[in-house]
Amino acid sequence: MNKVKVVILLSGGLDSTTTLYYAKSKGHHCHALIFDYGQRHKRELRSAIAVVKRARVPCQIIKIRLPWKGSTLLDTRTRIPEPRTLKQIGQRIPSTYVPARNIIFLSFALSYAEAIGAKAIFIGANAVDYSGYPDCRQEFIKAFQKVVRTGTKAKQIKIETPLIEMSKAQIIALALKLRAPLELTWSCYKSGRKPCGRCDSCRLRRRGFAQLGLRDII
């Protein structure tokens, strides 16, 4: 195995947890980066911490503020959208989009990776079963890779997106194969004891399990 040091962007959700366990399966030395950015679904932070403890990887928790809001995930006075049908998901950019979030996260991850000598940054971006965010597409990743080459001393740090062309069902199947602790993950855009079952993320997750003939284990 190619044992190299890598940085993992970890939210505590299904996709990022699967990405972490995928990187571990390749024998990489993983360093998780978790963001507390004022999101209303604080429950995902507890999930991220639980996942890194189970995975036994070191982590950094970065706390930042985005006081200008700009997203229903940042402003508790606004309502999380609940699509009437699954077909509506991804047809337009929803209000849960956080302006430039992945650019911000990847910039922190890039600084961290360069500082510790990591060779790659893994992000669980997905452009198939997703809400339509522009910073989850292959075009964005390619553009950011160019930023790495032109704007850093290291130049060769690679942005890895192993899930980007997978359906949610394929991601879940991979997670189960890798024995990722999906019972610890949190995908819902809301906080609470249980997922709401109505937001984009909940619906996509539930459909993924259903397509495999399984019930969610959360």
N, C-alpha and C. Protein backbone atom coordinates (compact mmCIF):
# COMPACT_ATOMS: atom_id res chain seq x y z
N MET A 1 0.83 -1.19 0.00
CA MET A 1 0.00 0.00 0.00
C MET A 1 0.88 1.26 0.00
N ASN A 2 0.33 2.31 -0.62
CA ASN A 2 1.04 3.57 -0.69
C ASN A 2 0.70 4.40 0.56
N LYS A 3 1.50 4.25 1.60
CA LYS A 3 1.21 4.91 2.86
C LYS A 3 1.69 6.36 2.80
N VAL A 4 0.76 7.27 2.59
CA VAL A 4 1.10 8.68 2.54
C VAL A 4 0.18 9.44 3.49
N LYS A 5 0.62 10.62 3.88
CA LYS A 5 -0.16 11.47 4.77
C LYS A 5 -1.19 12.24 3.94
N VAL A 6 -2.46 12.19 4.38
CA VAL A 6 -3.53 12.89 3.65
C VAL A 6 -4.44 13.62 4.63
N VAL A 7 -5.12 14.64 4.13
CA VAL A 7 -6.10 15.39 4.91
C VAL A 7 -7.49 15.01 4.44
N ILE A 8 -8.41 14.77 5.38
CA ILE A 8 -9.79 14.42 5.07
C ILE A 8 -10.72 15.51 5.57
N LEU A 9 -11.54 16.06 4.69
CA LEU A 9 -12.58 16.99 5.12
C LEU A 9 -13.75 16.16 5.65
N LEU A 10 -14.03 16.30 6.94
CA LEU A 10 -15.03 15.44 7.58
C LEU A 10 -16.15 16.28 8.18
N SER A 11 -17.38 16.03 7.72
CA SER A 11 -18.54 16.75 8.25
C SER A 11 -19.31 15.94 9.27
N GLY A 12 -19.11 14.62 9.25
CA GLY A 12 -19.92 13.75 10.10
C GLY A 12 -21.07 13.12 9.34
N GLY A 13 -21.17 13.45 8.04
CA GLY A 13 -22.22 12.88 7.20
C GLY A 13 -21.81 11.57 6.56
N LEU A 14 -22.73 10.99 5.82
CA LEU A 14 -22.51 9.69 5.18
C LEU A 14 -21.36 9.75 4.18
N ASP A 15 -21.36 10.77 3.32
CA ASP A 15 -20.36 10.84 2.25
C ASP A 15 -18.96 11.05 2.79
N SER A 16 -18.79 12.00 3.71
CA SER A 16 -17.44 12.27 4.22
C SER A 16 -16.91 11.12 5.07
N THR A 17 -17.80 10.44 5.78
CA THR A 17 -17.38 9.29 6.58
C THR A 17 -16.93 8.15 5.67
N THR A 18 -17.66 7.92 4.60
CA THR A 18 -17.26 6.91 3.62
C THR A 18 -15.92 7.27 3.00
N THR A 19 -15.72 8.55 2.72
CA THR A 19 -14.46 9.01 2.16
C THR A 19 -13.30 8.76 3.11
N LEU A 20 -13.51 9.02 4.39
CA LEU A 20 -12.47 8.76 5.39
C LEU A 20 -12.09 7.29 5.40
N TYR A 21 -13.08 6.41 5.41
CA TYR A 21 -12.80 4.98 5.47
C TYR A 21 -12.23 4.46 4.15
N TYR A 22 -12.57 5.11 3.06
CA TYR A 22 -11.96 4.77 1.77
C TYR A 22 -10.46 5.09 1.82
N ALA A 23 -10.12 6.28 2.31
CA ALA A 23 -8.71 6.67 2.40
C ALA A 23 -7.95 5.74 3.35
N LYS A 24 -8.59 5.37 4.46
CA LYS A 24 -7.97 4.44 5.40
C LYS A 24 -7.72 3.09 4.73
N SER A 25 -8.65 2.65 3.90
CA SER A 25 -8.52 1.35 3.24
C SER A 25 -7.34 1.31 2.28
N LYS A 26 -6.91 2.50 1.84
CA LYS A 26 -5.75 2.59 0.94
C LYS A 26 -4.44 2.64 1.72
N GLY A 27 -4.54 2.59 3.04
CA GLY A 27 -3.36 2.60 3.87
C GLY A 27 -2.79 3.97 4.16
N HIS A 28 -3.54 5.02 3.85
CA HIS A 28 -3.05 6.38 4.07
C HIS A 28 -3.07 6.75 5.55
N HIS A 29 -2.20 7.66 5.93
CA HIS A 29 -2.19 8.24 7.26
C HIS A 29 -3.13 9.44 7.23
N CYS A 30 -4.31 9.27 7.77
CA CYS A 30 -5.37 10.27 7.64
C CYS A 30 -5.35 11.29 8.78
N HIS A 31 -5.55 12.54 8.42
CA HIS A 31 -5.69 13.63 9.37
C HIS A 31 -7.01 14.34 9.04
N ALA A 32 -7.99 14.25 9.94
CA ALA A 32 -9.31 14.81 9.67
C ALA A 32 -9.37 16.28 10.02
N LEU A 33 -10.14 17.03 9.22
CA LEU A 33 -10.38 18.45 9.46
C LEU A 33 -11.89 18.64 9.56
N ILE A 34 -12.34 19.13 10.72
CA ILE A 34 -13.76 19.30 11.00
C ILE A 34 -14.04 20.79 11.19
N PHE A 35 -15.14 21.28 10.60
CA PHE A 35 -15.46 22.70 10.68
C PHE A 35 -16.73 22.96 11.49
N ASP A 36 -16.58 23.85 12.45
CA ASP A 36 -17.72 24.43 13.15
C ASP A 36 -17.87 25.84 12.58
N TYR A 37 -18.79 25.99 11.63
CA TYR A 37 -18.89 27.25 10.91
C TYR A 37 -20.20 27.98 11.18
N GLY A 38 -20.82 27.63 12.30
CA GLY A 38 -22.08 28.28 12.66
C GLY A 38 -23.30 27.60 12.09
N GLN A 39 -23.15 26.36 11.60
CA GLN A 39 -24.27 25.64 11.02
C GLN A 39 -25.34 25.34 12.07
N ARG A 40 -26.58 25.38 11.64
CA ARG A 40 -27.68 25.15 12.58
C ARG A 40 -27.79 23.68 12.97
N HIS A 41 -27.30 22.78 12.13
CA HIS A 41 -27.34 21.35 12.44
C HIS A 41 -26.07 20.95 13.19
N LYS A 42 -25.95 21.45 14.42
CA LYS A 42 -24.77 21.16 15.25
C LYS A 42 -24.60 19.67 15.51
N ARG A 43 -25.67 18.93 15.34
CA ARG A 43 -25.62 17.49 15.58
C ARG A 43 -24.54 16.82 14.74
N GLU A 44 -24.26 17.38 13.54
CA GLU A 44 -23.26 16.76 12.68
C GLU A 44 -21.86 16.88 13.28
N LEU A 45 -21.61 17.90 14.10
CA LEU A 45 -20.30 18.03 14.73
C LEU A 45 -20.06 16.88 15.70
N ARG A 46 -21.08 16.54 16.47
CA ARG A 46 -20.95 15.40 17.39
C ARG A 46 -20.71 14.12 16.61
N SER A 47 -21.37 14.00 15.48
CA SER A 47 -21.18 12.81 14.65
C SER A 47 -19.75 12.75 14.11
N ALA A 48 -19.23 13.87 13.66
CA ALA A 48 -17.87 13.91 13.12
C ALA A 48 -16.85 13.49 14.18
N ILE A 49 -17.03 14.01 15.39
CA ILE A 49 -16.11 13.66 16.48
C ILE A 49 -16.21 12.18 16.82
N ALA A 50 -17.45 11.65 16.82
CA ALA A 50 -17.64 10.23 17.10
C ALA A 50 -16.98 9.37 16.03
N VAL A 51 -17.07 9.82 14.77
CA VAL A 51 -16.48 9.06 13.66
C VAL A 51 -14.96 9.02 13.76
N VAL A 52 -14.32 10.17 14.06
CA VAL A 52 -12.85 10.16 14.14
C VAL A 52 -12.36 9.33 15.32
N LYS A 53 -13.14 9.31 16.39
CA LYS A 53 -12.76 8.47 17.53
C LYS A 53 -12.84 7.00 17.16
N ARG A 54 -13.90 6.63 16.44
CA ARG A 54 -14.04 5.24 16.00
C ARG A 54 -12.93 4.87 15.01
N ALA A 55 -12.62 5.80 14.12
CA ALA A 55 -11.60 5.54 13.10
C ALA A 55 -10.18 5.63 13.65
N ARG A 56 -10.05 6.23 14.82
CA ARG A 56 -8.75 6.40 15.47
C ARG A 56 -7.77 7.18 14.58
N VAL A 57 -8.26 8.33 14.13
CA VAL A 57 -7.40 9.22 13.35
C VAL A 57 -7.34 10.58 14.06
N PRO A 58 -6.22 11.28 13.95
CA PRO A 58 -6.13 12.60 14.56
C PRO A 58 -7.02 13.60 13.83
N CYS A 59 -7.48 14.60 14.55
CA CYS A 59 -8.34 15.60 13.90
C CYS A 59 -8.06 16.99 14.43
N GLN A 60 -8.38 17.96 13.61
CA GLN A 60 -8.36 19.37 13.97
C GLN A 60 -9.78 19.89 13.81
N ILE A 61 -10.29 20.60 14.82
CA ILE A 61 -11.61 21.22 14.73
C ILE A 61 -11.40 22.72 14.54
N ILE A 62 -11.88 23.24 13.42
CA ILE A 62 -11.69 24.64 13.07
C ILE A 62 -13.01 25.39 13.26
N LYS A 63 -12.98 26.40 14.09
CA LYS A 63 -14.18 27.20 14.33
C LYS A 63 -14.06 28.54 13.60
N ILE A 64 -15.00 28.79 12.70
CA ILE A 64 -15.01 30.04 11.95
C ILE A 64 -16.42 30.63 11.99
N ARG A 65 -16.53 31.92 11.67
CA ARG A 65 -17.82 32.59 11.62
C ARG A 65 -18.05 33.16 10.24
N LEU A 66 -19.28 33.02 9.76
CA LEU A 66 -19.70 33.64 8.51
C LEU A 66 -20.87 34.57 8.86
N PRO A 67 -20.58 35.73 9.45
CA PRO A 67 -21.63 36.58 10.01
C PRO A 67 -22.61 37.14 8.98
N TRP A 68 -22.26 37.09 7.70
CA TRP A 68 -23.15 37.59 6.66
C TRP A 68 -24.23 36.58 6.28
N LYS A 69 -24.19 35.40 6.91
CA LYS A 69 -25.21 34.35 6.68
C LYS A 69 -25.26 33.95 5.21
N GLY A 70 -26.39 34.20 4.54
CA GLY A 70 -26.50 33.84 3.12
C GLY A 70 -26.98 32.43 2.85
N SER A 71 -27.40 31.73 3.90
CA SER A 71 -27.87 30.35 3.73
C SER A 71 -28.83 29.99 4.85
N THR A 72 -29.81 29.15 4.53
CA THR A 72 -30.72 28.68 5.59
C THR A 72 -30.00 27.77 6.58
N LEU A 73 -28.82 27.26 6.21
CA LEU A 73 -28.06 26.44 7.15
C LEU A 73 -27.36 27.30 8.20
N LEU A 74 -27.30 28.61 7.95
CA LEU A 74 -26.62 29.52 8.86
C LEU A 74 -27.58 30.43 9.61
N ASP A 75 -28.79 30.54 9.15
CA ASP A 75 -29.76 31.49 9.71
C ASP A 75 -30.98 30.75 10.25
N THR A 76 -31.09 30.68 11.56
CA THR A 76 -32.19 29.94 12.18
C THR A 76 -33.54 30.63 12.01
N ARG A 77 -33.52 31.85 11.52
CA ARG A 77 -34.79 32.56 11.30
C ARG A 77 -35.45 32.13 9.99
N THR A 78 -34.71 31.42 9.16
CA THR A 78 -35.24 30.97 7.88
C THR A 78 -35.61 29.49 7.96
N ARG A 79 -36.39 29.05 7.01
CA ARG A 79 -36.90 27.68 7.02
C ARG A 79 -36.11 26.79 6.06
N ILE A 80 -35.75 25.60 6.53
CA ILE A 80 -35.10 24.62 5.67
C ILE A 80 -36.10 24.15 4.62
N PRO A 81 -35.76 24.23 3.34
CA PRO A 81 -36.71 23.80 2.30
C PRO A 81 -37.01 22.31 2.36
N GLU A 82 -38.25 21.97 2.05
CA GLU A 82 -38.68 20.57 2.03
C GLU A 82 -39.33 20.29 0.67
N PRO A 83 -38.58 19.71 -0.27
CA PRO A 83 -39.12 19.45 -1.60
C PRO A 83 -40.31 18.50 -1.55
N ARG A 84 -41.26 18.73 -2.45
CA ARG A 84 -42.44 17.87 -2.46
C ARG A 84 -42.14 16.49 -3.04
N THR A 85 -41.20 16.46 -4.01
CA THR A 85 -40.83 15.19 -4.63
C THR A 85 -39.31 15.11 -4.78
N LEU A 86 -38.80 13.90 -4.94
CA LEU A 86 -37.36 13.71 -5.14
C LEU A 86 -36.89 14.33 -6.44
N LYS A 87 -37.80 14.40 -7.45
CA LYS A 87 -37.41 14.97 -8.74
C LYS A 87 -37.06 16.44 -8.63
N GLN A 88 -37.59 17.11 -7.63
CA GLN A 88 -37.31 18.53 -7.46
C GLN A 88 -35.90 18.79 -6.95
N ILE A 89 -35.30 17.79 -6.32
CA ILE A 89 -33.96 17.97 -5.75
C ILE A 89 -32.93 18.10 -6.86
N GLY A 90 -32.11 19.13 -6.80
CA GLY A 90 -31.05 19.33 -7.76
C GLY A 90 -31.46 20.11 -9.00
N GLN A 91 -32.75 20.47 -9.12
CA GLN A 91 -33.20 21.22 -10.29
C GLN A 91 -32.73 22.67 -10.24
N ARG A 92 -32.53 23.19 -9.04
CA ARG A 92 -31.97 24.53 -8.89
C ARG A 92 -31.20 24.57 -7.57
N ILE A 93 -30.34 25.55 -7.43
CA ILE A 93 -29.52 25.65 -6.22
C ILE A 93 -30.43 26.06 -5.05
N PRO A 94 -30.53 25.24 -4.02
CA PRO A 94 -31.46 25.53 -2.92
C PRO A 94 -30.88 26.54 -1.93
N SER A 95 -31.74 27.01 -1.04
CA SER A 95 -31.32 28.01 -0.05
C SER A 95 -30.37 27.44 0.99
N THR A 96 -30.19 26.12 1.01
CA THR A 96 -29.23 25.50 1.94
C THR A 96 -27.79 25.64 1.44
N TYR A 97 -27.62 26.12 0.22
CA TYR A 97 -26.26 26.37 -0.28
C TYR A 97 -25.59 27.44 0.57
N VAL A 98 -24.40 27.13 1.08
CA VAL A 98 -23.59 28.10 1.85
C VAL A 98 -22.59 28.72 0.89
N PRO A 99 -22.66 30.05 0.69
CA PRO A 99 -21.79 30.69 -0.30
C PRO A 99 -20.31 30.33 -0.16
N ALA A 100 -19.78 29.73 -1.23
CA ALA A 100 -18.35 29.40 -1.35
C ALA A 100 -17.84 28.47 -0.25
N ARG A 101 -18.71 27.66 0.35
CA ARG A 101 -18.29 26.81 1.47
C ARG A 101 -17.14 25.88 1.14
N ASN A 102 -17.22 25.17 0.03
CA ASN A 102 -16.14 24.23 -0.28
C ASN A 102 -14.85 24.94 -0.66
N ILE A 103 -14.97 26.15 -1.20
CA ILE A 103 -13.76 26.94 -1.46
C ILE A 103 -13.08 27.28 -0.14
N ILE A 104 -13.88 27.69 0.83
CA ILE A 104 -13.35 28.02 2.16
C ILE A 104 -12.73 26.79 2.81
N PHE A 105 -13.47 25.69 2.83
CA PHE A 105 -12.98 24.47 3.48
C PHE A 105 -11.71 23.95 2.81
N LEU A 106 -11.71 23.91 1.48
CA LEU A 106 -10.54 23.40 0.77
C LEU A 106 -9.33 24.31 0.96
N SER A 107 -9.57 25.60 1.11
CA SER A 107 -8.46 26.52 1.35
C SER A 107 -7.80 26.24 2.69
N PHE A 108 -8.61 26.03 3.73
CA PHE A 108 -8.06 25.64 5.03
C PHE A 108 -7.34 24.30 4.92
N ALA A 109 -7.97 23.35 4.24
CA ALA A 109 -7.37 22.02 4.10
C ALA A 109 -6.06 22.08 3.33
N LEU A 110 -5.99 22.94 2.34
CA LEU A 110 -4.77 23.08 1.55
C LEU A 110 -3.63 23.66 2.41
N SER A 111 -3.94 24.66 3.22
CA SER A 111 -2.94 25.23 4.12
C SER A 111 -2.45 24.17 5.11
N TYR A 112 -3.39 23.40 5.66
CA TYR A 112 -3.06 22.34 6.61
C TYR A 112 -2.19 21.28 5.95
N ALA A 113 -2.61 20.86 4.75
CA ALA A 113 -1.87 19.81 4.03
C ALA A 113 -0.44 20.25 3.73
N GLU A 114 -0.29 21.49 3.28
CA GLU A 114 1.04 21.97 2.95
C GLU A 114 1.91 22.07 4.20
N ALA A 115 1.30 22.49 5.32
CA ALA A 115 2.05 22.65 6.56
C ALA A 115 2.54 21.33 7.13
N ILE A 116 1.74 20.25 6.97
CA ILE A 116 2.12 18.96 7.57
C ILE A 116 2.75 18.01 6.56
N GLY A 117 2.89 18.45 5.32
CA GLY A 117 3.50 17.60 4.31
C GLY A 117 2.59 16.53 3.75
N ALA A 118 1.28 16.78 3.76
CA ALA A 118 0.33 15.81 3.19
C ALA A 118 0.37 15.86 1.67
N LYS A 119 0.10 14.72 1.05
CA LYS A 119 0.17 14.61 -0.40
C LYS A 119 -1.18 14.78 -1.08
N ALA A 120 -2.27 14.69 -0.29
CA ALA A 120 -3.60 14.77 -0.90
C ALA A 120 -4.62 15.28 0.10
N ILE A 121 -5.71 15.82 -0.45
CA ILE A 121 -6.87 16.22 0.34
C ILE A 121 -8.06 15.43 -0.20
N PHE A 122 -8.74 14.71 0.68
CA PHE A 122 -9.92 13.94 0.29
C PHE A 122 -11.18 14.70 0.71
N ILE A 123 -12.10 14.85 -0.23
CA ILE A 123 -13.37 15.50 0.04
C ILE A 123 -14.49 14.63 -0.52
N GLY A 124 -15.58 14.49 0.24
CA GLY A 124 -16.69 13.62 -0.16
C GLY A 124 -17.69 14.29 -1.07
N ALA A 125 -17.22 15.12 -1.99
CA ALA A 125 -18.11 15.79 -2.94
C ALA A 125 -18.80 14.76 -3.82
N ASN A 126 -20.06 15.03 -4.15
CA ASN A 126 -20.83 14.11 -4.98
C ASN A 126 -21.70 14.90 -5.95
N ALA A 127 -21.65 14.55 -7.22
CA ALA A 127 -22.38 15.30 -8.25
C ALA A 127 -23.51 14.48 -8.87
N VAL A 128 -23.92 13.39 -8.22
CA VAL A 128 -25.01 12.57 -8.75
C VAL A 128 -26.26 12.75 -7.89
N ASP A 129 -26.30 12.15 -6.72
CA ASP A 129 -27.44 12.33 -5.80
C ASP A 129 -27.09 13.44 -4.82
N TYR A 130 -27.30 14.68 -5.24
CA TYR A 130 -26.94 15.82 -4.40
C TYR A 130 -27.95 16.95 -4.64
N SER A 131 -27.81 18.05 -3.88
CA SER A 131 -28.79 19.12 -3.93
C SER A 131 -28.57 20.14 -5.04
N GLY A 132 -27.53 19.95 -5.83
CA GLY A 132 -27.28 20.86 -6.94
C GLY A 132 -26.28 21.97 -6.62
N TYR A 133 -25.49 21.79 -5.57
CA TYR A 133 -24.51 22.81 -5.19
C TYR A 133 -23.41 22.90 -6.26
N PRO A 134 -23.05 24.10 -6.71
CA PRO A 134 -22.04 24.23 -7.77
C PRO A 134 -20.64 23.80 -7.34
N ASP A 135 -20.36 23.80 -6.02
CA ASP A 135 -19.02 23.44 -5.55
C ASP A 135 -18.90 21.95 -5.22
N CYS A 136 -19.79 21.15 -5.79
CA CYS A 136 -19.69 19.69 -5.64
C CYS A 136 -19.44 19.01 -6.98
N ARG A 137 -19.22 19.80 -8.01
CA ARG A 137 -19.06 19.25 -9.36
C ARG A 137 -17.59 19.05 -9.75
N GLN A 138 -17.38 18.19 -10.72
CA GLN A 138 -16.03 17.91 -11.18
C GLN A 138 -15.34 19.16 -11.73
N GLU A 139 -16.12 20.05 -12.37
CA GLU A 139 -15.54 21.27 -12.92
C GLU A 139 -14.91 22.13 -11.83
N PHE A 140 -15.59 22.20 -10.69
CA PHE A 140 -15.06 22.98 -9.57
C PHE A 140 -13.77 22.35 -9.03
N ILE A 141 -13.77 21.05 -8.86
CA ILE A 141 -12.59 20.37 -8.33
C ILE A 141 -11.39 20.58 -9.26
N LYS A 142 -11.61 20.48 -10.56
CA LYS A 142 -10.52 20.70 -11.52
C LYS A 142 -9.99 22.13 -11.42
N ALA A 143 -10.90 23.08 -11.24
CA ALA A 143 -10.49 24.48 -11.11
C ALA A 143 -9.68 24.69 -9.84
N PHE A 144 -10.10 24.05 -8.74
CA PHE A 144 -9.35 24.22 -7.50
C PHE A 144 -8.00 23.52 -7.58
N GLN A 145 -7.93 22.43 -8.32
CA GLN A 145 -6.64 21.76 -8.50
C GLN A 145 -5.65 22.70 -9.19
N LYS A 146 -6.15 23.51 -10.10
CA LYS A 146 -5.30 24.49 -10.76
C LYS A 146 -4.80 25.54 -9.76
N VAL A 147 -5.67 25.90 -8.80
CA VAL A 147 -5.27 26.83 -7.74
C VAL A 147 -4.11 26.24 -6.95
N VAL A 148 -4.20 24.95 -6.66
CA VAL A 148 -3.12 24.27 -5.91
C VAL A 148 -1.80 24.39 -6.67
N ARG A 149 -1.85 24.11 -7.97
CA ARG A 149 -0.63 24.11 -8.77
C ARG A 149 -0.01 25.50 -8.90
N THR A 150 -0.86 26.51 -8.99
CA THR A 150 -0.35 27.86 -9.26
C THR A 150 -0.16 28.71 -8.00
N GLY A 151 -0.76 28.31 -6.88
CA GLY A 151 -0.75 29.19 -5.72
C GLY A 151 -0.10 28.64 -4.46
N THR A 152 0.58 27.49 -4.56
CA THR A 152 1.24 26.91 -3.39
C THR A 152 2.67 26.53 -3.71
N LYS A 153 3.47 26.42 -2.67
CA LYS A 153 4.85 25.98 -2.84
C LYS A 153 4.90 24.49 -3.15
N ALA A 154 3.99 23.73 -2.51
CA ALA A 154 3.99 22.27 -2.71
C ALA A 154 3.59 21.89 -4.13
N LYS A 155 2.60 22.57 -4.69
CA LYS A 155 2.13 22.41 -6.07
C LYS A 155 1.48 21.07 -6.39
N GLN A 156 1.96 19.96 -5.81
CA GLN A 156 1.53 18.63 -6.22
C GLN A 156 0.47 18.01 -5.31
N ILE A 157 -0.04 18.75 -4.33
CA ILE A 157 -1.09 18.22 -3.47
C ILE A 157 -2.34 17.95 -4.32
N LYS A 158 -2.84 16.73 -4.26
CA LYS A 158 -3.95 16.34 -5.12
C LYS A 158 -5.27 16.40 -4.38
N ILE A 159 -6.29 16.92 -5.04
CA ILE A 159 -7.66 16.91 -4.50
C ILE A 159 -8.33 15.62 -4.94
N GLU A 160 -8.64 14.75 -3.99
CA GLU A 160 -9.22 13.43 -4.29
C GLU A 160 -10.72 13.44 -4.01
N THR A 161 -11.50 12.99 -4.98
CA THR A 161 -12.97 12.95 -4.86
C THR A 161 -13.47 11.55 -5.25
N PRO A 162 -13.25 10.54 -4.42
CA PRO A 162 -13.57 9.17 -4.81
C PRO A 162 -15.07 8.91 -5.01
N LEU A 163 -15.93 9.77 -4.49
CA LEU A 163 -17.38 9.52 -4.56
C LEU A 163 -18.09 10.38 -5.59
N ILE A 164 -17.38 11.22 -6.30
CA ILE A 164 -18.04 12.30 -7.04
C ILE A 164 -19.00 11.80 -8.12
N GLU A 165 -18.75 10.64 -8.70
CA GLU A 165 -19.63 10.12 -9.75
C GLU A 165 -20.49 8.95 -9.28
N MET A 166 -20.60 8.75 -7.97
CA MET A 166 -21.39 7.64 -7.43
C MET A 166 -22.81 8.09 -7.06
N SER A 167 -23.75 7.17 -7.18
CA SER A 167 -25.08 7.41 -6.64
C SER A 167 -25.04 7.21 -5.13
N LYS A 168 -26.08 7.66 -4.45
CA LYS A 168 -26.11 7.49 -2.99
C LYS A 168 -26.12 6.01 -2.63
N ALA A 169 -26.81 5.20 -3.41
CA ALA A 169 -26.83 3.76 -3.15
C ALA A 169 -25.44 3.16 -3.28
N GLN A 170 -24.69 3.58 -4.29
CA GLN A 170 -23.32 3.09 -4.47
C GLN A 170 -22.42 3.51 -3.32
N ILE A 171 -22.63 4.73 -2.82
CA ILE A 171 -21.84 5.22 -1.69
C ILE A 171 -22.13 4.39 -0.45
N ILE A 172 -23.40 4.11 -0.20
CA ILE A 172 -23.78 3.31 0.97
C ILE A 172 -23.20 1.90 0.85
N ALA A 173 -23.28 1.32 -0.35
CA ALA A 173 -22.73 -0.02 -0.55
C ALA A 173 -21.23 -0.04 -0.27
N LEU A 174 -20.53 1.00 -0.72
CA LEU A 174 -19.10 1.10 -0.46
C LEU A 174 -18.83 1.24 1.03
N ALA A 175 -19.63 2.08 1.69
CA ALA A 175 -19.46 2.29 3.14
C ALA A 175 -19.63 0.99 3.90
N LEU A 176 -20.62 0.21 3.53
CA LEU A 176 -20.87 -1.07 4.20
C LEU A 176 -19.72 -2.05 3.95
N LYS A 177 -19.19 -2.04 2.73
CA LYS A 177 -18.05 -2.89 2.40
C LYS A 177 -16.83 -2.52 3.24
N LEU A 178 -16.66 -1.21 3.46
CA LEU A 178 -15.51 -0.71 4.22
C LEU A 178 -15.74 -0.75 5.73
N ARG A 179 -16.95 -1.15 6.12
CA ARG A 179 -17.34 -1.19 7.53
C ARG A 179 -17.26 0.19 8.19
N ALA A 180 -17.65 1.19 7.43
CA ALA A 180 -17.72 2.54 7.98
C ALA A 180 -18.91 2.62 8.95
N PRO A 181 -18.77 3.33 10.06
CA PRO A 181 -19.82 3.37 11.08
C PRO A 181 -20.97 4.32 10.70
N LEU A 182 -21.79 3.88 9.77
CA LEU A 182 -22.88 4.74 9.29
C LEU A 182 -23.88 5.06 10.40
N GLU A 183 -23.94 4.22 11.42
CA GLU A 183 -24.85 4.49 12.53
C GLU A 183 -24.44 5.73 13.32
N LEU A 184 -23.21 6.18 13.14
CA LEU A 184 -22.74 7.38 13.84
C LEU A 184 -22.94 8.65 13.01
N THR A 185 -23.28 8.50 11.75
CA THR A 185 -23.34 9.65 10.85
C THR A 185 -24.64 10.43 10.96
N TRP A 186 -24.59 11.66 10.49
CA TRP A 186 -25.77 12.54 10.51
C TRP A 186 -25.83 13.29 9.19
N SER A 187 -26.92 13.13 8.45
CA SER A 187 -27.06 13.76 7.15
C SER A 187 -28.09 14.89 7.13
N CYS A 188 -28.99 14.92 8.10
CA CYS A 188 -30.10 15.87 8.12
C CYS A 188 -29.63 17.31 8.25
N TYR A 189 -30.32 18.22 7.55
CA TYR A 189 -29.99 19.64 7.63
C TYR A 189 -30.48 20.29 8.93
N LYS A 190 -31.26 19.55 9.70
CA LYS A 190 -31.78 20.07 10.96
C LYS A 190 -31.12 19.34 12.13
N SER A 191 -31.16 19.97 13.28
CA SER A 191 -30.71 19.30 14.49
C SER A 191 -31.89 18.64 15.17
N GLY A 192 -31.62 17.72 16.05
CA GLY A 192 -32.69 17.02 16.75
C GLY A 192 -32.22 15.64 17.17
N ARG A 193 -33.09 14.93 17.85
CA ARG A 193 -32.75 13.58 18.27
C ARG A 193 -32.79 12.61 17.11
N LYS A 194 -33.67 12.91 16.13
CA LYS A 194 -33.80 12.06 14.95
C LYS A 194 -33.80 12.93 13.70
N PRO A 195 -33.38 12.38 12.55
CA PRO A 195 -33.44 13.12 11.29
C PRO A 195 -34.88 13.51 10.95
N CYS A 196 -35.04 14.65 10.28
CA CYS A 196 -36.40 15.13 9.97
C CYS A 196 -37.08 14.26 8.93
N GLY A 197 -36.30 13.65 8.02
CA GLY A 197 -36.87 12.79 7.00
C GLY A 197 -37.46 13.53 5.82
N ARG A 198 -37.42 14.88 5.82
CA ARG A 198 -38.09 15.66 4.78
C ARG A 198 -37.16 16.54 3.97
N CYS A 199 -35.99 16.89 4.50
CA CYS A 199 -35.07 17.76 3.75
C CYS A 199 -34.41 16.98 2.61
N ASP A 200 -33.74 17.72 1.71
CA ASP A 200 -33.07 17.08 0.57
C ASP A 200 -32.17 15.93 1.01
N SER A 201 -31.33 16.21 1.99
CA SER A 201 -30.32 15.24 2.40
C SER A 201 -30.94 13.98 2.98
N CYS A 202 -31.96 14.15 3.79
CA CYS A 202 -32.65 12.99 4.36
C CYS A 202 -33.29 12.13 3.27
N ARG A 203 -33.92 12.77 2.31
CA ARG A 203 -34.61 12.03 1.26
C ARG A 203 -33.63 11.27 0.37
N LEU A 204 -32.52 11.90 0.03
CA LEU A 204 -31.52 11.23 -0.80
C LEU A 204 -30.91 10.05 -0.06
N ARG A 205 -30.65 10.23 1.21
CA ARG A 205 -30.08 9.14 2.02
C ARG A 205 -31.07 7.97 2.11
N ARG A 206 -32.33 8.28 2.39
CA ARG A 206 -33.32 7.22 2.52
C ARG A 206 -33.50 6.46 1.21
N ARG A 207 -33.51 7.19 0.07
CA ARG A 207 -33.64 6.52 -1.22
C ARG A 207 -32.45 5.61 -1.49
N GLY A 208 -31.26 6.06 -1.09
CA GLY A 208 -30.07 5.23 -1.30
C GLY A 208 -30.18 3.89 -0.59
N PHE A 209 -30.60 3.93 0.66
CA PHE A 209 -30.78 2.68 1.40
C PHE A 209 -31.88 1.83 0.77
N ALA A 210 -32.99 2.49 0.37
CA ALA A 210 -34.12 1.76 -0.22
C ALA A 210 -33.71 1.06 -1.52
N GLN A 211 -32.87 1.71 -2.33
CA GLN A 211 -32.44 1.10 -3.59
C GLN A 211 -31.58 -0.14 -3.36
N LEU A 212 -31.01 -0.24 -2.18
CA LEU A 212 -30.24 -1.44 -1.83
C LEU A 212 -31.09 -2.47 -1.09
N GLY A 213 -32.37 -2.13 -0.90
CA GLY A 213 -33.26 -3.03 -0.18
C GLY A 213 -32.99 -3.04 1.32
N LEU A 214 -32.46 -1.92 1.82
CA LEU A 214 -32.08 -1.82 3.23
C LEU A 214 -32.82 -0.70 3.93
N ARG A 215 -32.87 -0.77 5.24
CA ARG A 215 -33.36 0.34 6.04
C ARG A 215 -32.17 1.09 6.63
N ASP A 216 -32.32 2.39 6.76
CA ASP A 216 -31.24 3.19 7.35
C ASP A 216 -30.95 2.71 8.76
N ILE A 217 -29.67 2.70 9.11
CA ILE A 217 -29.29 2.17 10.43
C ILE A 217 -29.08 3.27 11.46
N ILE A 218 -29.36 4.53 11.10
CA ILE A 218 -29.18 5.60 12.06
C ILE A 218 -30.29 5.58 13.11
